[in-house]
Amino acid sequence: MQATVNGVRIAFAEQGSGTPLVFVHGFPLCRATWSKQVAAFKAQHRVITPDLRGLGESEATPGPVTMQRYAEDVHALLQHLGVGPVVLAGHSMGGYVALAFAKAFPQMLKGLVLVATRAGADTPEAAAGRRATAAQVQAQGSSVVVDAMAPKMLDPANTDRQMREAVRGFMAPSKPEGVISALLGMAERPDARSWLPHIHVPTLVITGAEDAVFPASESEAMAHAIPGARLAILPHAGHLVAYEQADAFNRALAQWLHEI
């Protein structure tokens, strides 16, 4: 399905009924990363999985796309669907978007799930690296990012070739313009750490013990800073924890959802 919100065509899927559960993917991925969560939760929840602007099947727009703008797109989509309040889950860059959403639209939240993400801003060096990568994508295409990111998504000990091929498939649809916009937007995102104590909805912070992108200490720090947050660190899981260890992830999420 597609909807035009904020002047851009956003692709999304919607299945099931019940309490709305919205999953926001990471970079440079697409909504298909949540396929195992859709299958597990659609029987009891209205599960909504958008492709962020410029990624997956959604329309790209030029220039940096800030985390605030992605959050506004998600909010506009939910308004279009007549949905809310929701439980919002965000993975990696989707976690940045979820934090921006929580700050801008707290009345739309029933719960918050932060998956393999962090609250801090980029260091100047990391921001410069993103801008340099954006220039490479402009010159050479999205394969630059796919080749760099795909090996970091799973537990290094994971030898499942089919799973590794699936990860590359999750990155393939994203357009170079959308990848560039996301890189530039992440480079300028604000530091959210000082705001974490002001989150007052039930929050689950969940990550993989073998995450090569963000160490578990980042999730521990967020969970400590958010009042009443629950922390889950799943073994044998890398950055794409919800896909790689879907059964364990879904159990942790289902138990938390039952309690909020």
C-alpha atoms as a PDB file:
ATOM      1  CA  MET A   1       0.000   0.000   0.000  1.00  0.00           C
ATOM      2  CA  GLN A   2       1.008   3.611  -0.488  1.00  0.00           C
ATOM      3  CA  ALA A   3      -0.125   6.927   0.924  1.00  0.00           C
ATOM      4  CA  THR A   4       0.933  10.455   0.040  1.00  0.00           C
ATOM      5  CA  VAL A   5       1.800  12.297   3.248  1.00  0.00           C
ATOM      6  CA  ASN A   6       3.818  15.484   3.659  1.00  0.00           C
ATOM      7  CA  GLY A   7       4.021  15.604  -0.134  1.00  0.00           C
ATOM      8  CA  VAL A   8       5.820  12.274  -0.514  1.00  0.00           C
ATOM      9  CA  ARG A   9       4.623   8.767  -1.383  1.00  0.00           C
ATOM     10  CA  ILE A  10       5.210   6.450   1.558  1.00  0.00           C
ATOM     11  CA  ALA A  11       4.964   2.702   1.054  1.00  0.00           C
ATOM     12  CA  PHE A  12       3.708   0.659   3.977  1.00  0.00           C
ATOM     13  CA  ALA A  13       2.058  -2.594   4.978  1.00  0.00           C
ATOM     14  CA  GLU A  14      -0.764  -3.015   7.473  1.00  0.00           C
ATOM     15  CA  GLN A  15      -2.062  -6.291   8.870  1.00  0.00           C
ATOM     16  CA  GLY A  16      -4.218  -7.445  11.758  1.00  0.00           C
ATOM     17  CA  SER A  17      -6.348  -5.600  14.280  1.00  0.00           C
ATOM     18  CA  GLY A  18      -6.074  -4.553  17.895  1.00  0.00           C
ATOM     19  CA  THR A  19      -3.629  -2.239  19.642  1.00  0.00           C
ATOM     20  CA  PRO A  20      -1.534  -0.563  16.908  1.00  0.00           C
ATOM     21  CA  LEU A  21       2.068  -1.731  16.774  1.00  0.00           C
ATOM     22  CA  VAL A  22       4.291   0.316  14.441  1.00  0.00           C
ATOM     23  CA  PHE A  23       7.753  -0.909  13.400  1.00  0.00           C
ATOM     24  CA  VAL A  24      10.272   1.549  11.918  1.00  0.00           C
ATOM     25  CA  HIS A  25      13.258   0.019  10.109  1.00  0.00           C
ATOM     26  CA  GLY A  26      16.904   1.047  10.211  1.00  0.00           C
ATOM     27  CA  PHE A  27      19.445   2.204   7.620  1.00  0.00           C
ATOM     28  CA  PRO A  28      19.755   1.373   4.748  1.00  0.00           C
ATOM     29  CA  LEU A  29      17.016  -1.195   5.199  1.00  0.00           C
ATOM     30  CA  CYS A  30      13.293  -1.506   4.496  1.00  0.00           C
ATOM     31  CA  ARG A  31      10.120  -2.677   6.191  1.00  0.00           C
ATOM     32  CA  ALA A  32      10.793  -6.325   5.238  1.00  0.00           C
ATOM     33  CA  THR A  33      13.259  -6.537   8.135  1.00  0.00           C
ATOM     34  CA  TRP A  34      10.196  -6.786  10.399  1.00  0.00           C
ATOM     35  CA  SER A  35       8.581  -9.695   8.519  1.00  0.00           C
ATOM     36  CA  LYS A  36       8.997 -12.083  11.450  1.00  0.00           C
ATOM     37  CA  GLN A  37       7.399  -9.597  13.834  1.00  0.00           C
ATOM     38  CA  VAL A  38       4.456  -9.019  11.481  1.00  0.00           C
ATOM     39  CA  ALA A  39       3.856 -12.764  11.351  1.00  0.00           C
ATOM     40  CA  ALA A  40       4.062 -13.104  15.127  1.00  0.00           C
ATOM     41  CA  PHE A  41       1.952 -10.124  16.202  1.00  0.00           C
ATOM     42  CA  LYS A  42      -0.704  -9.591  13.521  1.00  0.00           C
ATOM     43  CA  ALA A  43      -3.110 -11.978  15.253  1.00  0.00           C
ATOM     44  CA  GLN A  44      -3.486  -9.634  18.229  1.00  0.00           C
ATOM     45  CA  HIS A  45      -2.270  -6.256  16.973  1.00  0.00           C
ATOM     46  CA  ARG A  46      -2.773  -3.872  14.090  1.00  0.00           C
ATOM     47  CA  VAL A  47       0.786  -4.066  12.741  1.00  0.00           C
ATOM     48  CA  ILE A  48       1.996  -1.189  10.559  1.00  0.00           C
ATOM     49  CA  THR A  49       5.384  -1.222   8.830  1.00  0.00           C
ATOM     50  CA  PRO A  50       6.307   1.858   6.767  1.00  0.00           C
ATOM     51  CA  ASP A  51       9.270   2.306   4.459  1.00  0.00           C
ATOM     52  CA  LEU A  52      10.957   5.546   5.470  1.00  0.00           C
ATOM     53  CA  ARG A  53      11.201   8.315   2.883  1.00  0.00           C
ATOM     54  CA  GLY A  54      13.721   7.356   0.184  1.00  0.00           C
ATOM     55  CA  LEU A  55      14.256   3.832   1.514  1.00  0.00           C
ATOM     56  CA  GLY A  56      12.553   0.617   0.507  1.00  0.00           C
ATOM     57  CA  GLU A  57       9.692   1.433  -1.861  1.00  0.00           C
ATOM     58  CA  SER A  58       9.033   4.971  -0.593  1.00  0.00           C
ATOM     59  CA  GLU A  59       9.668   8.058  -2.687  1.00  0.00           C
ATOM     60  CA  ALA A  60      12.967   9.871  -2.246  1.00  0.00           C
ATOM     61  CA  THR A  61      13.405  13.624  -1.857  1.00  0.00           C
ATOM     62  CA  PRO A  62      16.611  15.641  -2.291  1.00  0.00           C
ATOM     63  CA  GLY A  63      18.786  17.003   0.487  1.00  0.00           C
ATOM     64  CA  PRO A  64      19.175  15.894   4.101  1.00  0.00           C
ATOM     65  CA  VAL A  65      16.164  14.233   5.698  1.00  0.00           C
ATOM     66  CA  THR A  66      16.258  14.888   9.424  1.00  0.00           C
ATOM     67  CA  MET A  67      15.105  12.408  12.039  1.00  0.00           C
ATOM     68  CA  GLN A  68      12.365  14.924  12.840  1.00  0.00           C
ATOM     69  CA  ARG A  69      11.144  14.808   9.236  1.00  0.00           C
ATOM     70  CA  TYR A  70      11.041  11.005   9.224  1.00  0.00           C
ATOM     71  CA  ALA A  71       9.086  11.187  12.497  1.00  0.00           C
ATOM     72  CA  GLU A  72       6.680  13.683  10.949  1.00  0.00           C
ATOM     73  CA  ASP A  73       6.164  11.294   8.025  1.00  0.00           C
ATOM     74  CA  VAL A  74       5.325   8.441  10.403  1.00  0.00           C
ATOM     75  CA  HIS A  75       2.950  10.699  12.333  1.00  0.00           C
ATOM     76  CA  ALA A  76       1.251  11.866   9.128  1.00  0.00           C
ATOM     77  CA  LEU A  77       0.846   8.266   7.977  1.00  0.00           C
ATOM     78  CA  LEU A  78      -0.783   7.329  11.275  1.00  0.00           C
ATOM     79  CA  GLN A  79      -3.128  10.295  10.968  1.00  0.00           C
ATOM     80  CA  HIS A  80      -3.953   9.202   7.419  1.00  0.00           C
ATOM     81  CA  LEU A  81      -4.811   5.748   8.755  1.00  0.00           C
ATOM     82  CA  GLY A  82      -6.732   7.115  11.739  1.00  0.00           C
ATOM     83  CA  VAL A  83      -4.466   5.277  14.180  1.00  0.00           C
ATOM     84  CA  GLY A  84      -3.275   6.210  17.649  1.00  0.00           C
ATOM     85  CA  PRO A  85      -1.991   6.040  20.256  1.00  0.00           C
ATOM     86  CA  VAL A  86       0.487   3.360  19.183  1.00  0.00           C
ATOM     87  CA  VAL A  87       3.326   1.241  20.455  1.00  0.00           C
ATOM     88  CA  LEU A  88       6.260   2.439  18.352  1.00  0.00           C
ATOM     89  CA  ALA A  89       9.341   0.294  17.778  1.00  0.00           C
ATOM     90  CA  GLY A  90      12.415   1.650  16.006  1.00  0.00           C
ATOM     91  CA  HIS A  91      15.582  -0.179  14.979  1.00  0.00           C
ATOM     92  CA  SER A  92      18.933   1.634  14.672  1.00  0.00           C
ATOM     93  CA  MET A  93      18.196   4.773  12.600  1.00  0.00           C
ATOM     94  CA  GLY A  94      14.550   3.885  13.186  1.00  0.00           C
ATOM     95  CA  GLY A  95      15.362   4.281  16.862  1.00  0.00           C
ATOM     96  CA  TYR A  96      16.550   7.826  16.195  1.00  0.00           C
ATOM     97  CA  VAL A  97      13.228   8.384  14.443  1.00  0.00           C
ATOM     98  CA  ALA A  98      11.306   6.827  17.342  1.00  0.00           C
ATOM     99  CA  LEU A  99      13.024   9.150  19.823  1.00  0.00           C
ATOM    100  CA  ALA A 100      12.225  12.157  17.637  1.00  0.00           C
ATOM    101  CA  PHE A 101       8.611  10.944  17.418  1.00  0.00           C
ATOM    102  CA  ALA A 102       8.384  10.494  21.192  1.00  0.00           C
ATOM    103  CA  LYS A 103       9.577  14.045  21.745  1.00  0.00           C
ATOM    104  CA  ALA A 104       7.348  15.648  19.105  1.00  0.00           C
ATOM    105  CA  PHE A 105       4.177  13.562  19.495  1.00  0.00           C
ATOM    106  CA  PRO A 106       4.049  12.135  23.042  1.00  0.00           C
ATOM    107  CA  GLN A 107       0.244  11.999  22.956  1.00  0.00           C
ATOM    108  CA  MET A 108       0.493   9.452  20.130  1.00  0.00           C
ATOM    109  CA  LEU A 109       2.485   6.951  22.168  1.00  0.00           C
ATOM    110  CA  LYS A 110       1.242   4.034  24.226  1.00  0.00           C
ATOM    111  CA  GLY A 111       4.723   2.509  24.460  1.00  0.00           C
ATOM    112  CA  LEU A 112       8.223   2.819  22.998  1.00  0.00           C
ATOM    113  CA  VAL A 113      10.615   0.081  21.885  1.00  0.00           C
ATOM    114  CA  LEU A 114      14.214   1.076  21.127  1.00  0.00           C
ATOM    115  CA  VAL A 115      16.021  -1.659  19.211  1.00  0.00           C
ATOM    116  CA  ALA A 116      19.810  -1.728  18.726  1.00  0.00           C
ATOM    117  CA  THR A 117      20.089   2.044  18.714  1.00  0.00           C
ATOM    118  CA  ARG A 118      21.628   4.923  20.659  1.00  0.00           C
ATOM    119  CA  ALA A 119      20.632   8.360  21.911  1.00  0.00           C
ATOM    120  CA  GLY A 120      23.859  10.283  21.396  1.00  0.00           C
ATOM    121  CA  ALA A 121      24.683  12.436  18.389  1.00  0.00           C
ATOM    122  CA  ASP A 122      27.495  11.642  15.982  1.00  0.00           C
ATOM    123  CA  THR A 123      30.959  12.778  16.905  1.00  0.00           C
ATOM    124  CA  PRO A 124      32.366  15.329  14.434  1.00  0.00           C
ATOM    125  CA  GLU A 125      34.493  12.540  12.980  1.00  0.00           C
ATOM    126  CA  ALA A 126      31.522  10.189  12.554  1.00  0.00           C
ATOM    127  CA  ALA A 127      29.435  12.951  10.977  1.00  0.00           C
ATOM    128  CA  ALA A 128      32.251  13.709   8.551  1.00  0.00           C
ATOM    129  CA  GLY A 129      32.415  10.017   7.719  1.00  0.00           C
ATOM    130  CA  ARG A 130      28.710   9.938   6.894  1.00  0.00           C
ATOM    131  CA  ARG A 131      29.080  12.939   4.601  1.00  0.00           C
ATOM    132  CA  ALA A 132      32.047  11.297   2.878  1.00  0.00           C
ATOM    133  CA  THR A 133      30.007   8.126   2.399  1.00  0.00           C
ATOM    134  CA  ALA A 134      27.162  10.193   0.951  1.00  0.00           C
ATOM    135  CA  ALA A 135      29.596  11.601  -1.601  1.00  0.00           C
ATOM    136  CA  GLN A 136      30.705   8.058  -2.467  1.00  0.00           C
ATOM    137  CA  VAL A 137      27.089   6.972  -2.955  1.00  0.00           C
ATOM    138  CA  GLN A 138      26.543   9.980  -5.216  1.00  0.00           C
ATOM    139  CA  ALA A 139      29.475   8.865  -7.344  1.00  0.00           C
ATOM    140  CA  GLN A 140      29.186   5.072  -7.203  1.00  0.00           C
ATOM    141  CA  GLY A 141      25.659   4.137  -6.100  1.00  0.00           C
ATOM    142  CA  SER A 142      24.117   2.471  -3.066  1.00  0.00           C
ATOM    143  CA  SER A 143      26.301  -0.637  -3.321  1.00  0.00           C
ATOM    144  CA  VAL A 144      28.972   1.321  -1.437  1.00  0.00           C
ATOM    145  CA  VAL A 145      26.773   1.313   1.655  1.00  0.00           C
ATOM    146  CA  VAL A 146      25.371  -2.181   1.147  1.00  0.00           C
ATOM    147  CA  ASP A 147      28.863  -3.675   0.925  1.00  0.00           C
ATOM    148  CA  ALA A 148      29.967  -1.809   4.048  1.00  0.00           C
ATOM    149  CA  MET A 149      26.876  -2.388   6.189  1.00  0.00           C
ATOM    150  CA  ALA A 150      25.695  -5.896   5.301  1.00  0.00           C
ATOM    151  CA  PRO A 151      28.577  -7.714   7.021  1.00  0.00           C
ATOM    152  CA  LYS A 152      27.873  -5.805  10.252  1.00  0.00           C
ATOM    153  CA  MET A 153      24.213  -6.745  10.564  1.00  0.00           C
ATOM    154  CA  LEU A 154      24.505 -10.251  12.033  1.00  0.00           C
ATOM    155  CA  ASP A 155      26.460 -12.000  14.776  1.00  0.00           C
ATOM    156  CA  PRO A 156      29.962 -12.572  13.321  1.00  0.00           C
ATOM    157  CA  ALA A 157      29.587 -16.230  14.322  1.00  0.00           C
ATOM    158  CA  ASN A 158      26.443 -16.621  12.208  1.00  0.00           C
ATOM    159  CA  THR A 159      27.245 -18.787   9.178  1.00  0.00           C
ATOM    160  CA  ASP A 160      23.709 -18.897   7.751  1.00  0.00           C
ATOM    161  CA  ARG A 161      24.273 -17.929   4.111  1.00  0.00           C
ATOM    162  CA  GLN A 162      20.566 -17.602   3.372  1.00  0.00           C
ATOM    163  CA  MET A 163      20.139 -15.134   6.238  1.00  0.00           C
ATOM    164  CA  ARG A 164      23.103 -13.086   5.040  1.00  0.00           C
ATOM    165  CA  GLU A 165      21.664 -12.967   1.521  1.00  0.00           C
ATOM    166  CA  ALA A 166      18.322 -11.870   2.971  1.00  0.00           C
ATOM    167  CA  VAL A 167      20.032  -8.972   4.748  1.00  0.00           C
ATOM    168  CA  ARG A 168      21.470  -7.718   1.463  1.00  0.00           C
ATOM    169  CA  GLY A 169      18.004  -8.073  -0.037  1.00  0.00           C
ATOM    170  CA  PHE A 170      16.596  -5.783   2.663  1.00  0.00           C
ATOM    171  CA  MET A 171      19.030  -3.086   1.488  1.00  0.00           C
ATOM    172  CA  ALA A 172      18.643  -3.538  -2.256  1.00  0.00           C
ATOM    173  CA  PRO A 173      15.442  -1.481  -2.837  1.00  0.00           C
ATOM    174  CA  SER A 174      16.752   1.733  -1.250  1.00  0.00           C
ATOM    175  CA  LYS A 175      17.449   4.479  -3.743  1.00  0.00           C
ATOM    176  CA  PRO A 176      20.824   6.292  -3.836  1.00  0.00           C
ATOM    177  CA  GLU A 177      19.057   9.620  -3.296  1.00  0.00           C
ATOM    178  CA  GLY A 178      17.304   8.211  -0.219  1.00  0.00           C
ATOM    179  CA  VAL A 179      20.520   6.708   1.148  1.00  0.00           C
ATOM    180  CA  ILE A 180      22.299  10.044   0.723  1.00  0.00           C
ATOM    181  CA  SER A 181      19.448  11.939   2.396  1.00  0.00           C
ATOM    182  CA  ALA A 182      19.501   9.555   5.357  1.00  0.00           C
ATOM    183  CA  LEU A 183      23.276   9.784   5.777  1.00  0.00           C
ATOM    184  CA  LEU A 184      23.168  13.586   5.757  1.00  0.00           C
ATOM    185  CA  GLY A 185      20.211  13.609   8.147  1.00  0.00           C
ATOM    186  CA  MET A 186      21.908  11.281  10.624  1.00  0.00           C
ATOM    187  CA  ALA A 187      25.056  13.386  10.520  1.00  0.00           C
ATOM    188  CA  GLU A 188      23.173  16.420  11.816  1.00  0.00           C
ATOM    189  CA  ARG A 189      20.826  14.757  14.303  1.00  0.00           C
ATOM    190  CA  PRO A 190      20.745  16.261  17.811  1.00  0.00           C
ATOM    191  CA  ASP A 191      21.948  14.548  20.965  1.00  0.00           C
ATOM    192  CA  ALA A 192      18.887  13.066  22.699  1.00  0.00           C
ATOM    193  CA  ARG A 193      20.558  11.870  25.901  1.00  0.00           C
ATOM    194  CA  SER A 194      19.523  14.816  28.065  1.00  0.00           C
ATOM    195  CA  TRP A 195      15.910  14.300  27.017  1.00  0.00           C
ATOM    196  CA  LEU A 196      15.652  10.601  27.899  1.00  0.00           C
ATOM    197  CA  PRO A 197      14.534  11.222  31.518  1.00  0.00           C
ATOM    198  CA  HIS A 198      11.480  13.022  30.112  1.00  0.00           C
ATOM    199  CA  ILE A 199      10.118   9.901  28.394  1.00  0.00           C
ATOM    200  CA  HIS A 200       7.096   8.875  30.430  1.00  0.00           C
ATOM    201  CA  VAL A 201       5.641   5.943  28.501  1.00  0.00           C
ATOM    202  CA  PRO A 202       6.509   2.284  29.064  1.00  0.00           C
ATOM    203  CA  THR A 203       9.779   1.634  27.256  1.00  0.00           C
ATOM    204  CA  LEU A 204      11.598  -1.527  26.223  1.00  0.00           C
ATOM    205  CA  VAL A 205      15.256  -1.255  25.212  1.00  0.00           C
ATOM    206  CA  ILE A 206      16.426  -4.369  23.386  1.00  0.00           C
ATOM    207  CA  THR A 207      19.654  -5.221  21.593  1.00  0.00           C
ATOM    208  CA  GLY A 208      21.934  -8.048  20.509  1.00  0.00           C
ATOM    209  CA  ALA A 209      24.876  -9.075  22.646  1.00  0.00           C
ATOM    210  CA  GLU A 210      27.066  -9.319  19.531  1.00  0.00           C
ATOM    211  CA  ASP A 211      26.011  -6.023  17.907  1.00  0.00           C
ATOM    212  CA  ALA A 212      29.002  -4.769  15.909  1.00  0.00           C
ATOM    213  CA  VAL A 213      27.406  -1.369  15.184  1.00  0.00           C
ATOM    214  CA  PHE A 214      26.349  -0.246  18.672  1.00  0.00           C
ATOM    215  CA  PRO A 215      27.737  -2.009  21.756  1.00  0.00           C
ATOM    216  CA  ALA A 216      25.246  -3.177  24.360  1.00  0.00           C
ATOM    217  CA  SER A 217      26.547  -0.441  26.671  1.00  0.00           C
ATOM    218  CA  GLU A 218      24.641   2.090  24.533  1.00  0.00           C
ATOM    219  CA  SER A 219      21.372   0.287  25.265  1.00  0.00           C
ATOM    220  CA  GLU A 220      22.262  -0.078  28.932  1.00  0.00           C
ATOM    221  CA  ALA A 221      22.826   3.685  29.181  1.00  0.00           C
ATOM    222  CA  MET A 222      19.479   4.449  27.525  1.00  0.00           C
ATOM    223  CA  ALA A 223      17.580   2.025  29.726  1.00  0.00           C
ATOM    224  CA  HIS A 224      19.191   3.526  32.814  1.00  0.00           C
ATOM    225  CA  ALA A 225      18.238   7.069  31.731  1.00  0.00           C
ATOM    226  CA  ILE A 226      14.587   6.389  30.792  1.00  0.00           C
ATOM    227  CA  PRO A 227      12.329   6.109  33.854  1.00  0.00           C
ATOM    228  CA  GLY A 228      11.117   2.551  34.346  1.00  0.00           C
ATOM    229  CA  ALA A 229      12.619   1.231  31.115  1.00  0.00           C
ATOM    230  CA  ARG A 230      13.227  -2.494  30.719  1.00  0.00           C
ATOM    231  CA  LEU A 231      16.474  -3.743  29.162  1.00  0.00           C
ATOM    232  CA  ALA A 232      16.849  -6.989  27.202  1.00  0.00           C
ATOM    233  CA  ILE A 233      20.202  -8.086  25.737  1.00  0.00           C
ATOM    234  CA  LEU A 234      19.751 -11.151  23.544  1.00  0.00           C
ATOM    235  CA  PRO A 235      22.628 -13.626  23.092  1.00  0.00           C
ATOM    236  CA  HIS A 236      23.877 -14.771  19.679  1.00  0.00           C
ATOM    237  CA  ALA A 237      22.414 -11.691  18.018  1.00  0.00           C
ATOM    238  CA  GLY A 238      24.058  -8.918  16.047  1.00  0.00           C
ATOM    239  CA  HIS A 239      22.708  -5.550  14.953  1.00  0.00           C
ATOM    240  CA  LEU A 240      19.644  -6.917  13.155  1.00  0.00           C
ATOM    241  CA  VAL A 241      18.501  -8.603  16.350  1.00  0.00           C
ATOM    242  CA  ALA A 242      14.771  -8.769  15.556  1.00  0.00           C
ATOM    243  CA  TYR A 243      15.455 -10.765  12.391  1.00  0.00           C
ATOM    244  CA  GLU A 244      18.430 -12.857  13.473  1.00  0.00           C
ATOM    245  CA  GLN A 245      16.954 -13.983  16.807  1.00  0.00           C
ATOM    246  CA  ALA A 246      13.290 -13.446  16.019  1.00  0.00           C
ATOM    247  CA  ASP A 247      11.897 -16.015  18.459  1.00  0.00           C
ATOM    248  CA  ALA A 248      13.763 -14.575  21.444  1.00  0.00           C
ATOM    249  CA  PHE A 249      12.984 -11.019  20.340  1.00  0.00           C
ATOM    250  CA  ASN A 250       9.296 -11.771  19.902  1.00  0.00           C
ATOM    251  CA  ARG A 251       9.067 -13.462  23.304  1.00  0.00           C
ATOM    252  CA  ALA A 252      10.648 -10.453  25.008  1.00  0.00           C
ATOM    253  CA  LEU A 253       8.399  -8.035  23.160  1.00  0.00           C
ATOM    254  CA  ALA A 254       5.236 -10.092  23.749  1.00  0.00           C
ATOM    255  CA  GLN A 255       5.900 -10.349  27.486  1.00  0.00           C
ATOM    256  CA  TRP A 256       6.502  -6.601  27.739  1.00  0.00           C
ATOM    257  CA  LEU A 257       3.401  -5.807  25.672  1.00  0.00           C
ATOM    258  CA  HIS A 258       1.326  -8.032  27.965  1.00  0.00           C
ATOM    259  CA  GLU A 259       2.479  -6.038  30.978  1.00  0.00           C
ATOM    260  CA  ILE A 260       2.046  -2.463  29.784  1.00  0.00           C
END
